[in-house]
Amino acid sequence: MRLIVKLALGIVLGIVVGLIVPEFITRVIVTFKDIFGQFLEFTIPLIIIFFIVSGIASFGKHSGKMLGLTSAIAYSSTILAGTLAFVVAIIFIPMLAGQSGGNAEEAPGFEPFFEFTIDPITGVMTALVAAFVFGIGITRLNSPTLKSFFDEGKEIIERMIWKIIIPVLPFYIGSIFAELAADGTVLDTLKAFGLVLVLAVVVHWVWLTILFTVAGIFTGRNPFSALKTMLPAYFTGLGTMSSAATIPVTVRQSKENDVSDGIADSAVPLSATIHLSGSTITIVLCSVAVMVISNGLSMPSFGMMLPFILMVGIVMIAAPGVPGGAVMAALGLLSTMLGFDETALGLMIGLYMAQDSFGTAANVTGDGAIALIVDKVMHKK
C-alpha cells in the first residue's frame, strides 16, 4: 500500500510541477522520462526470459495430469476474463472518451535535451519463444545446472525491479503527469481514468461471481457460500499485493471449502503462478482506455484485441512476485501488438499500480474456484 501512496504523491507533485515550472525544467523532466522509458524497454525481454523459464521449470515437480488440468482451467479463466473486460470496454470506454478531451501524446514543444538509446538484447517475441524452448527443455532434461542459472537470473532481475524500477516509478509516473499538466490535458485524463479503475474493480467481482457460479454448478456447492469462504484470501491479497504471499491463506480457505489437502496444496500454488484473471481484466480495460481516451484512437476491434488477450494469458507466467509484476510482463505485448509508446506504457504502469491490490485479490480468490473444479475432476478420475 505504501507504493500506491508514493505513486499518488508522484502524480500530485508531477501535476503541480507541470503547472508552475518554466519550459526548461519541463524539458529536464521529459529527458528523464525518455531515459527511464528506454531502461524499462531494455528490461522487458529479461523479465520474459528469466521469469517464464524459471516458472515453467518449476512445474516439473507437479504431477502431469494435475498440472495440465489446472493450467487449462487457469488459462481459460484468464482468457475469458480478458474477453469479458473487452466487451465491457466496448460499452463504457466510448462514453468516457466523450467526456474527456485529454491526449497523452507528447506536446510538440517539450523535447528532451538529448536522446539516450538503450537497445533491448532481443525482441519480445524472440524472448518469449526462447523462454518456452528453454523452460520446457529443462523439465525434459531435468538439468539442475540450467535451472539454477535461470532461477538465479530471475533473482537478479527481481532485485533490479525491487531496488531500481519500483523506487523510481513514482518519479517516472510523476514526470508523465507533469508533461500532461504542462500540456493542459491532465484533469480530463485523471477524471476519465479514475472511472476506468472503478469499472475494473466492478468487472473483477462480476468475473468472480461467474467463476464461482460455474464451480458451484460443477461441484454441486452453493457458489456464494464458497465465495464467502474465500473472502479472507481476498482481503489478504488486497493487503499484500502478491499472489505468492497469499498462498497460505488461499490454501487454508480452499480446504475449508472441502477441497482435498493434496489438491489444495498443489493446485493453489500453481494457480498463483499462472492464473491472473483479475490482472488481465485491468490490463485489457486500461489498455483500451489509453488507446481511446489518451491517444484519441478509435476503438480496437475484437480481431485486434483477441491475439493480445491470448498472449497476455501466456506472459502472465512471467509476472514476478512484486507489485505490478503483471503489467511489467505485459509491457512488451503492449508495445509490439498495440503500438504503445513510452508515454502510453508509463500511463499503463500508473493505472495498473493504482489498482494492483484489487487485481491481486481477484486473482487469489479465483484460485479457490479453480481448486474446487480440479478437486472434483481428479476425484472423478
Protein backbone atom coordinates (compact mmCIF):
# COMPACT_ATOMS: atom_id res chain seq x y z
CA MET A 1 0.00 0.00 0.00
CA ARG A 2 2.95 2.34 0.59
CA LEU A 3 3.78 2.13 -3.12
CA ILE A 4 0.27 3.28 -4.02
CA VAL A 5 0.68 6.28 -1.70
CA LYS A 6 4.05 7.12 -3.28
CA LEU A 7 2.56 6.87 -6.75
CA ALA A 8 -0.30 9.16 -5.74
CA LEU A 9 2.17 11.68 -4.33
CA GLY A 10 4.22 11.43 -7.52
CA ILE A 11 1.15 12.19 -9.62
CA VAL A 12 0.16 15.16 -7.44
CA LEU A 13 3.67 16.62 -7.39
CA GLY A 14 4.04 16.00 -11.10
CA ILE A 15 0.85 17.95 -11.81
CA VAL A 16 1.97 20.82 -9.60
CA VAL A 17 5.40 20.92 -11.21
CA GLY A 18 3.91 20.76 -14.70
CA LEU A 19 1.62 23.71 -13.96
CA ILE A 20 4.14 26.09 -12.42
CA VAL A 21 7.66 25.35 -13.66
CA PRO A 22 9.25 27.01 -16.72
CA GLU A 23 9.80 25.17 -20.00
CA PHE A 24 13.47 24.49 -19.20
CA ILE A 25 12.51 22.33 -16.18
CA THR A 26 9.82 20.60 -18.20
CA ARG A 27 12.44 19.59 -20.78
CA VAL A 28 14.59 18.16 -17.97
CA ILE A 29 11.60 16.12 -16.83
CA VAL A 30 10.92 14.90 -20.37
CA THR A 31 14.58 13.90 -20.72
CA PHE A 32 14.39 11.82 -17.52
CA LYS A 33 11.12 10.24 -18.69
CA ASP A 34 12.62 9.20 -22.02
CA ILE A 35 15.79 7.72 -20.46
CA PHE A 36 13.87 5.71 -17.85
CA GLY A 37 11.41 4.59 -20.53
CA GLN A 38 14.34 3.25 -22.54
CA PHE A 39 15.57 1.36 -19.47
CA LEU A 40 12.11 -0.16 -18.98
CA GLU A 41 12.08 -1.40 -22.57
CA PHE A 42 15.53 -2.91 -22.03
CA THR A 43 14.29 -4.94 -19.04
CA ILE A 44 11.23 -6.40 -20.82
CA PRO A 45 12.99 -9.29 -22.64
CA LEU A 46 14.99 -10.09 -19.48
CA ILE A 47 11.79 -10.34 -17.42
CA ILE A 48 10.17 -12.58 -20.03
CA ILE A 49 13.14 -14.92 -20.45
CA PHE A 50 14.15 -15.46 -16.84
CA PHE A 51 10.71 -15.48 -15.21
CA ILE A 52 8.99 -17.68 -17.79
CA VAL A 53 11.86 -20.18 -17.93
CA SER A 54 12.06 -20.33 -14.13
CA GLY A 55 8.29 -20.68 -13.86
CA ILE A 56 7.97 -23.47 -16.41
CA ALA A 57 10.98 -25.32 -14.99
CA SER A 58 9.39 -25.31 -11.54
CA PHE A 59 6.32 -27.16 -12.88
CA GLY A 60 8.32 -30.36 -13.16
CA LYS A 61 7.64 -31.23 -9.53
CA HIS A 62 3.88 -31.38 -10.09
CA SER A 63 2.05 -34.43 -11.38
CA GLY A 64 1.35 -34.28 -15.11
CA LYS A 65 -2.45 -34.67 -15.00
CA MET A 66 -2.97 -32.13 -12.24
CA LEU A 67 -0.59 -29.69 -13.90
CA GLY A 68 -2.32 -29.98 -17.26
CA LEU A 69 -5.83 -29.71 -15.84
CA THR A 70 -5.05 -26.77 -13.57
CA SER A 71 -3.15 -24.95 -16.32
CA ALA A 72 -6.00 -25.43 -18.81
CA ILE A 73 -8.66 -24.15 -16.40
CA ALA A 74 -6.49 -21.24 -15.23
CA TYR A 75 -5.65 -20.18 -18.79
CA SER A 76 -9.30 -20.46 -19.86
CA SER A 77 -10.36 -18.32 -16.89
CA THR A 78 -7.76 -15.69 -17.73
CA ILE A 79 -8.74 -15.54 -21.42
CA LEU A 80 -12.49 -15.43 -20.75
CA ALA A 81 -11.97 -12.72 -18.10
CA GLY A 82 -9.99 -10.66 -20.60
CA THR A 83 -12.72 -11.14 -23.21
CA LEU A 84 -15.37 -10.00 -20.72
CA ALA A 85 -13.25 -6.93 -19.97
CA PHE A 86 -13.08 -6.07 -23.67
CA VAL A 87 -16.86 -6.39 -24.03
CA VAL A 88 -17.28 -4.03 -21.08
CA ALA A 89 -14.70 -1.68 -22.62
CA ILE A 90 -16.66 -1.57 -25.88
CA ILE A 91 -19.75 -0.45 -23.96
CA PHE A 92 -18.29 2.04 -21.49
CA ILE A 93 -14.96 3.40 -22.79
CA PRO A 94 -16.54 5.41 -25.65
CA MET A 95 -18.79 7.10 -23.08
CA LEU A 96 -15.77 8.08 -21.00
CA ALA A 97 -13.88 9.20 -24.11
CA GLY A 98 -16.75 11.51 -24.99
CA GLN A 99 -16.33 13.26 -21.63
CA SER A 100 -12.54 13.62 -21.94
CA GLY A 101 -10.53 15.81 -24.19
CA GLY A 102 -7.24 14.52 -22.76
CA ASN A 103 -4.45 13.39 -25.00
CA ALA A 104 -1.32 11.82 -23.58
CA GLU A 105 0.80 12.39 -26.66
CA GLU A 106 3.92 14.40 -26.01
CA ALA A 107 3.43 18.11 -26.54
CA PRO A 108 5.33 19.35 -29.60
CA GLY A 109 7.26 21.99 -27.62
CA PHE A 110 8.61 19.62 -24.94
CA GLU A 111 11.57 17.86 -26.49
CA PRO A 112 14.29 16.15 -24.41
CA PHE A 113 17.70 17.80 -24.25
CA PHE A 114 19.28 14.67 -25.71
CA GLU A 115 18.32 11.16 -26.75
CA PHE A 116 19.78 8.13 -24.98
CA THR A 117 19.05 4.82 -26.67
CA ILE A 118 19.25 1.51 -24.78
CA ASP A 119 18.52 -1.34 -27.19
CA PRO A 120 16.92 -4.49 -25.71
CA ILE A 121 19.02 -7.63 -26.05
CA THR A 122 16.31 -9.22 -28.23
CA GLY A 123 12.76 -8.70 -29.43
CA VAL A 124 9.75 -9.57 -27.29
CA MET A 125 8.51 -12.50 -29.40
CA THR A 126 12.03 -13.90 -29.72
CA ALA A 127 12.38 -13.75 -25.95
CA LEU A 128 9.02 -15.45 -25.47
CA VAL A 129 9.82 -18.32 -27.84
CA ALA A 130 13.29 -18.76 -26.33
CA ALA A 131 11.79 -18.83 -22.83
CA PHE A 132 9.40 -21.66 -23.73
CA VAL A 133 12.13 -23.63 -25.51
CA PHE A 134 14.46 -23.48 -22.52
CA GLY A 135 11.70 -23.86 -19.91
CA ILE A 136 10.22 -26.99 -21.48
CA GLY A 137 13.70 -28.29 -22.27
CA ILE A 138 14.76 -28.04 -18.63
CA THR A 139 11.71 -30.02 -17.49
CA ARG A 140 12.51 -32.74 -20.04
CA LEU A 141 16.25 -32.93 -19.37
CA ASN A 142 15.92 -32.35 -15.62
CA SER A 143 19.03 -30.14 -15.80
CA PRO A 144 19.83 -28.68 -12.35
CA THR A 145 22.60 -26.51 -13.83
CA LEU A 146 20.34 -24.73 -16.32
CA LYS A 147 17.52 -24.47 -13.79
CA SER A 148 19.89 -22.89 -11.27
CA PHE A 149 21.13 -20.43 -13.92
CA PHE A 150 17.63 -19.21 -14.76
CA ASP A 151 16.49 -19.23 -11.12
CA GLU A 152 19.45 -17.04 -10.15
CA GLY A 153 18.89 -14.85 -13.21
CA LYS A 154 15.30 -14.42 -12.11
CA GLU A 155 16.51 -13.37 -8.66
CA ILE A 156 18.82 -10.76 -10.23
CA ILE A 157 16.02 -9.29 -12.35
CA GLU A 158 13.63 -9.39 -9.39
CA ARG A 159 16.11 -7.45 -7.26
CA MET A 160 16.56 -4.95 -10.07
CA ILE A 161 12.80 -4.45 -10.13
CA TRP A 162 12.69 -4.02 -6.34
CA LYS A 163 15.79 -1.85 -5.99
CA ILE A 164 15.67 0.29 -9.14
CA ILE A 165 12.39 0.21 -11.05
CA ILE A 166 9.91 0.22 -8.16
CA PRO A 167 11.64 3.07 -6.22
CA VAL A 168 11.95 5.21 -9.37
CA LEU A 169 8.40 4.54 -10.63
CA PRO A 170 6.76 7.38 -8.61
CA PHE A 171 9.16 9.85 -10.24
CA TYR A 172 8.57 8.35 -13.67
CA ILE A 173 4.78 8.45 -13.33
CA GLY A 174 5.10 11.96 -11.89
CA SER A 175 7.12 13.05 -14.94
CA ILE A 176 4.37 11.81 -17.26
CA PHE A 177 1.71 13.75 -15.39
CA ALA A 178 3.96 16.82 -15.23
CA GLU A 179 4.07 16.72 -19.01
CA LEU A 180 0.31 16.26 -19.21
CA ALA A 181 -0.20 19.21 -16.84
CA ALA A 182 2.14 21.41 -18.88
CA ASP A 183 0.17 20.42 -21.96
CA GLY A 184 -3.15 21.27 -20.26
CA THR A 185 -4.78 17.82 -20.53
CA VAL A 186 -4.23 16.35 -17.07
CA LEU A 187 -7.61 16.99 -15.40
CA ASP A 188 -9.66 15.32 -18.14
CA THR A 189 -7.23 12.41 -18.16
CA LEU A 190 -7.43 11.87 -14.39
CA LYS A 191 -11.21 12.02 -14.34
CA ALA A 192 -11.64 9.50 -17.16
CA PHE A 193 -9.04 7.07 -15.84
CA GLY A 194 -10.44 7.24 -12.31
CA LEU A 195 -13.75 5.95 -13.67
CA VAL A 196 -11.89 3.23 -15.63
CA LEU A 197 -10.29 1.94 -12.41
CA VAL A 198 -13.68 1.80 -10.65
CA LEU A 199 -15.04 -0.07 -13.66
CA ALA A 200 -12.16 -2.58 -13.43
CA VAL A 201 -12.97 -3.44 -9.79
CA VAL A 202 -16.65 -3.94 -10.69
CA VAL A 203 -15.68 -6.31 -13.52
CA HIS A 204 -13.41 -8.21 -11.07
CA TRP A 205 -16.42 -9.01 -8.92
CA VAL A 206 -18.60 -9.87 -11.90
CA TRP A 207 -15.99 -12.38 -13.03
CA LEU A 208 -15.58 -13.86 -9.55
CA THR A 209 -19.34 -14.35 -9.39
CA ILE A 210 -19.30 -16.11 -12.77
CA LEU A 211 -16.30 -18.25 -11.83
CA PHE A 212 -17.77 -19.43 -8.53
CA THR A 213 -21.18 -20.00 -10.12
CA VAL A 214 -19.55 -22.33 -12.67
CA ALA A 215 -17.60 -24.05 -9.88
CA GLY A 216 -20.80 -24.36 -7.82
CA ILE A 217 -22.76 -25.91 -10.68
CA PHE A 218 -19.90 -28.30 -11.43
CA THR A 219 -19.40 -29.41 -7.83
CA GLY A 220 -22.96 -29.10 -6.53
CA ARG A 221 -21.98 -26.48 -3.93
CA ASN A 222 -23.56 -23.14 -3.08
CA PRO A 223 -21.39 -20.72 -5.10
CA PHE A 224 -22.00 -17.76 -2.81
CA SER A 225 -21.12 -19.79 0.28
CA ALA A 226 -17.90 -20.92 -1.41
CA LEU A 227 -17.08 -17.34 -2.42
CA LYS A 228 -17.76 -16.13 1.11
CA THR A 229 -15.33 -18.74 2.47
CA MET A 230 -12.61 -17.33 0.17
CA LEU A 231 -13.02 -13.73 1.41
CA PRO A 232 -10.07 -13.97 3.86
CA ALA A 233 -7.85 -14.73 0.84
CA TYR A 234 -9.36 -11.74 -0.99
CA PHE A 235 -8.56 -9.32 1.80
CA THR A 236 -5.10 -10.81 2.31
CA GLY A 237 -4.36 -10.31 -1.38
CA LEU A 238 -5.70 -6.78 -1.06
CA GLY A 239 -3.14 -6.06 1.63
CA THR A 240 -0.11 -7.99 0.35
CA MET A 241 -0.48 -7.16 -3.40
CA SER A 242 1.18 -10.56 -4.00
CA SER A 243 -0.43 -13.83 -5.08
CA ALA A 244 2.60 -15.73 -3.79
CA ALA A 245 2.43 -14.15 -0.33
CA THR A 246 -1.28 -15.02 -0.12
CA ILE A 247 -0.81 -18.73 -0.93
CA PRO A 248 -1.00 -19.97 2.71
CA VAL A 249 -4.34 -18.22 3.27
CA THR A 250 -5.70 -19.33 -0.12
CA VAL A 251 -4.74 -22.95 0.62
CA ARG A 252 -6.36 -22.81 4.06
CA GLN A 253 -9.63 -21.33 2.75
CA SER A 254 -9.74 -23.82 -0.12
CA LYS A 255 -9.52 -26.66 2.41
CA GLU A 256 -12.39 -25.05 4.32
CA ASN A 257 -14.32 -25.33 1.04
CA ASP A 258 -13.73 -29.11 1.31
CA VAL A 259 -11.01 -29.23 -1.33
CA SER A 260 -8.80 -32.24 -0.56
CA ASP A 261 -5.44 -31.50 1.04
CA GLY A 262 -3.38 -32.80 -1.88
CA ILE A 263 -5.22 -30.74 -4.49
CA ALA A 264 -5.25 -27.59 -2.36
CA ASP A 265 -1.53 -27.92 -1.62
CA SER A 266 -0.70 -28.33 -5.33
CA ALA A 267 -3.34 -26.54 -7.40
CA VAL A 268 -3.37 -23.31 -5.39
CA PRO A 269 0.39 -22.57 -5.62
CA LEU A 270 0.29 -23.44 -9.33
CA SER A 271 -2.72 -21.18 -9.91
CA ALA A 272 -0.97 -18.37 -8.04
CA THR A 273 1.68 -18.52 -10.76
CA ILE A 274 -0.45 -18.84 -13.90
CA HIS A 275 -3.98 -17.63 -13.04
CA LEU A 276 -4.22 -13.84 -13.20
CA SER A 277 -7.76 -13.16 -14.37
CA GLY A 278 -8.11 -10.02 -12.24
CA SER A 279 -4.85 -8.60 -13.57
CA THR A 280 -5.87 -9.41 -17.15
CA ILE A 281 -9.20 -7.61 -16.71
CA THR A 282 -7.37 -4.48 -15.59
CA ILE A 283 -4.75 -4.66 -18.34
CA VAL A 284 -7.39 -5.05 -21.07
CA LEU A 285 -9.64 -2.26 -19.75
CA CYS A 286 -6.75 0.14 -19.16
CA SER A 287 -5.07 -0.58 -22.49
CA VAL A 288 -8.28 0.19 -24.38
CA ALA A 289 -8.74 3.33 -22.27
CA VAL A 290 -5.21 4.54 -23.01
CA MET A 291 -5.71 3.94 -26.74
CA VAL A 292 -9.11 5.66 -26.94
CA ILE A 293 -9.07 8.31 -24.22
CA SER A 294 -5.42 9.36 -24.18
CA ASN A 295 -4.22 8.70 -27.71
CA GLY A 296 -7.50 9.59 -29.41
CA LEU A 297 -7.62 6.36 -31.43
CA SER A 298 -10.77 4.53 -32.47
CA MET A 299 -11.98 1.52 -30.52
CA PRO A 300 -9.82 -1.51 -31.32
CA SER A 301 -11.58 -4.41 -32.97
CA PHE A 302 -12.09 -7.79 -31.35
CA GLY A 303 -9.82 -9.26 -34.03
CA MET A 304 -7.07 -6.92 -32.84
CA MET A 305 -7.56 -7.50 -29.12
CA LEU A 306 -8.12 -11.28 -29.10
CA PRO A 307 -4.50 -12.16 -30.03
CA PHE A 308 -3.35 -9.67 -27.41
CA ILE A 309 -5.56 -11.28 -24.74
CA LEU A 310 -4.36 -14.76 -25.72
CA MET A 311 -0.72 -13.65 -25.43
CA VAL A 312 -1.34 -11.86 -22.12
CA GLY A 313 -2.63 -15.14 -20.70
CA ILE A 314 0.71 -16.71 -21.61
CA VAL A 315 3.09 -13.98 -20.45
CA MET A 316 1.34 -13.87 -17.08
CA ILE A 317 3.64 -16.78 -16.24
CA ALA A 318 6.38 -14.13 -16.22
CA ALA A 319 4.57 -11.95 -13.67
CA PRO A 320 7.06 -11.78 -10.76
CA GLY A 321 6.07 -11.66 -7.13
CA VAL A 322 6.43 -7.89 -6.95
CA PRO A 323 3.81 -5.12 -7.10
CA GLY A 324 2.85 -4.52 -10.71
CA GLY A 325 4.52 -7.71 -11.94
CA ALA A 326 1.68 -8.47 -14.37
CA VAL A 327 1.86 -5.14 -16.17
CA MET A 328 5.67 -5.36 -16.25
CA ALA A 329 5.38 -8.71 -18.02
CA ALA A 330 2.79 -7.29 -20.44
CA LEU A 331 4.78 -4.18 -21.45
CA GLY A 332 6.37 -5.97 -24.38
CA LEU A 333 2.99 -7.01 -25.79
CA LEU A 334 1.59 -3.52 -25.29
CA SER A 335 4.41 -2.03 -27.34
CA THR A 336 4.63 -4.68 -30.09
CA MET A 337 0.97 -5.70 -30.51
CA LEU A 338 -0.86 -2.47 -29.60
CA GLY A 339 1.82 0.04 -30.61
CA PHE A 340 2.17 1.77 -27.23
CA ASP A 341 4.93 4.38 -26.99
CA GLU A 342 6.85 5.27 -23.82
CA THR A 343 4.20 7.72 -22.60
CA ALA A 344 1.39 5.20 -23.09
CA LEU A 345 3.42 2.49 -21.33
CA GLY A 346 4.01 4.85 -18.42
CA LEU A 347 0.30 5.57 -18.13
CA MET A 348 -0.42 1.84 -18.17
CA ILE A 349 2.04 1.27 -15.32
CA GLY A 350 0.50 4.08 -13.27
CA LEU A 351 -3.06 2.89 -13.88
CA TYR A 352 -2.25 -0.72 -13.12
CA MET A 353 -0.33 0.12 -9.94
CA ALA A 354 -3.26 2.18 -8.68
CA GLN A 355 -5.46 -0.93 -8.52
CA ASP A 356 -2.84 -3.69 -8.23
CA SER A 357 -4.12 -4.75 -4.82
CA PHE A 358 -7.66 -5.28 -6.17
CA GLY A 359 -6.38 -7.25 -9.17
CA THR A 360 -4.29 -9.47 -6.91
CA ALA A 361 -7.26 -10.02 -4.59
CA ALA A 362 -9.39 -11.13 -7.56
CA ASN A 363 -6.59 -13.45 -8.75
CA VAL A 364 -6.19 -15.32 -5.48
CA THR A 365 -9.93 -15.56 -4.81
CA GLY A 366 -10.43 -17.08 -8.25
CA ASP A 367 -7.74 -19.65 -7.40
CA GLY A 368 -10.21 -21.07 -4.87
CA ALA A 369 -12.79 -21.69 -7.59
CA ILE A 370 -10.20 -23.42 -9.77
CA ALA A 371 -9.20 -25.65 -6.85
CA LEU A 372 -12.84 -26.69 -6.43
CA ILE A 373 -13.14 -27.70 -10.09
CA VAL A 374 -9.79 -29.51 -10.19
CA ASP A 375 -10.65 -31.41 -6.99
CA LYS A 376 -13.95 -32.58 -8.44
CA VAL A 377 -12.40 -33.75 -11.74
CA MET A 378 -9.45 -35.52 -10.10
CA HIS A 379 -11.72 -37.39 -7.70
CA LYS A 380 -13.98 -38.46 -10.58
CA LYS A 381 -10.93 -39.95 -12.29
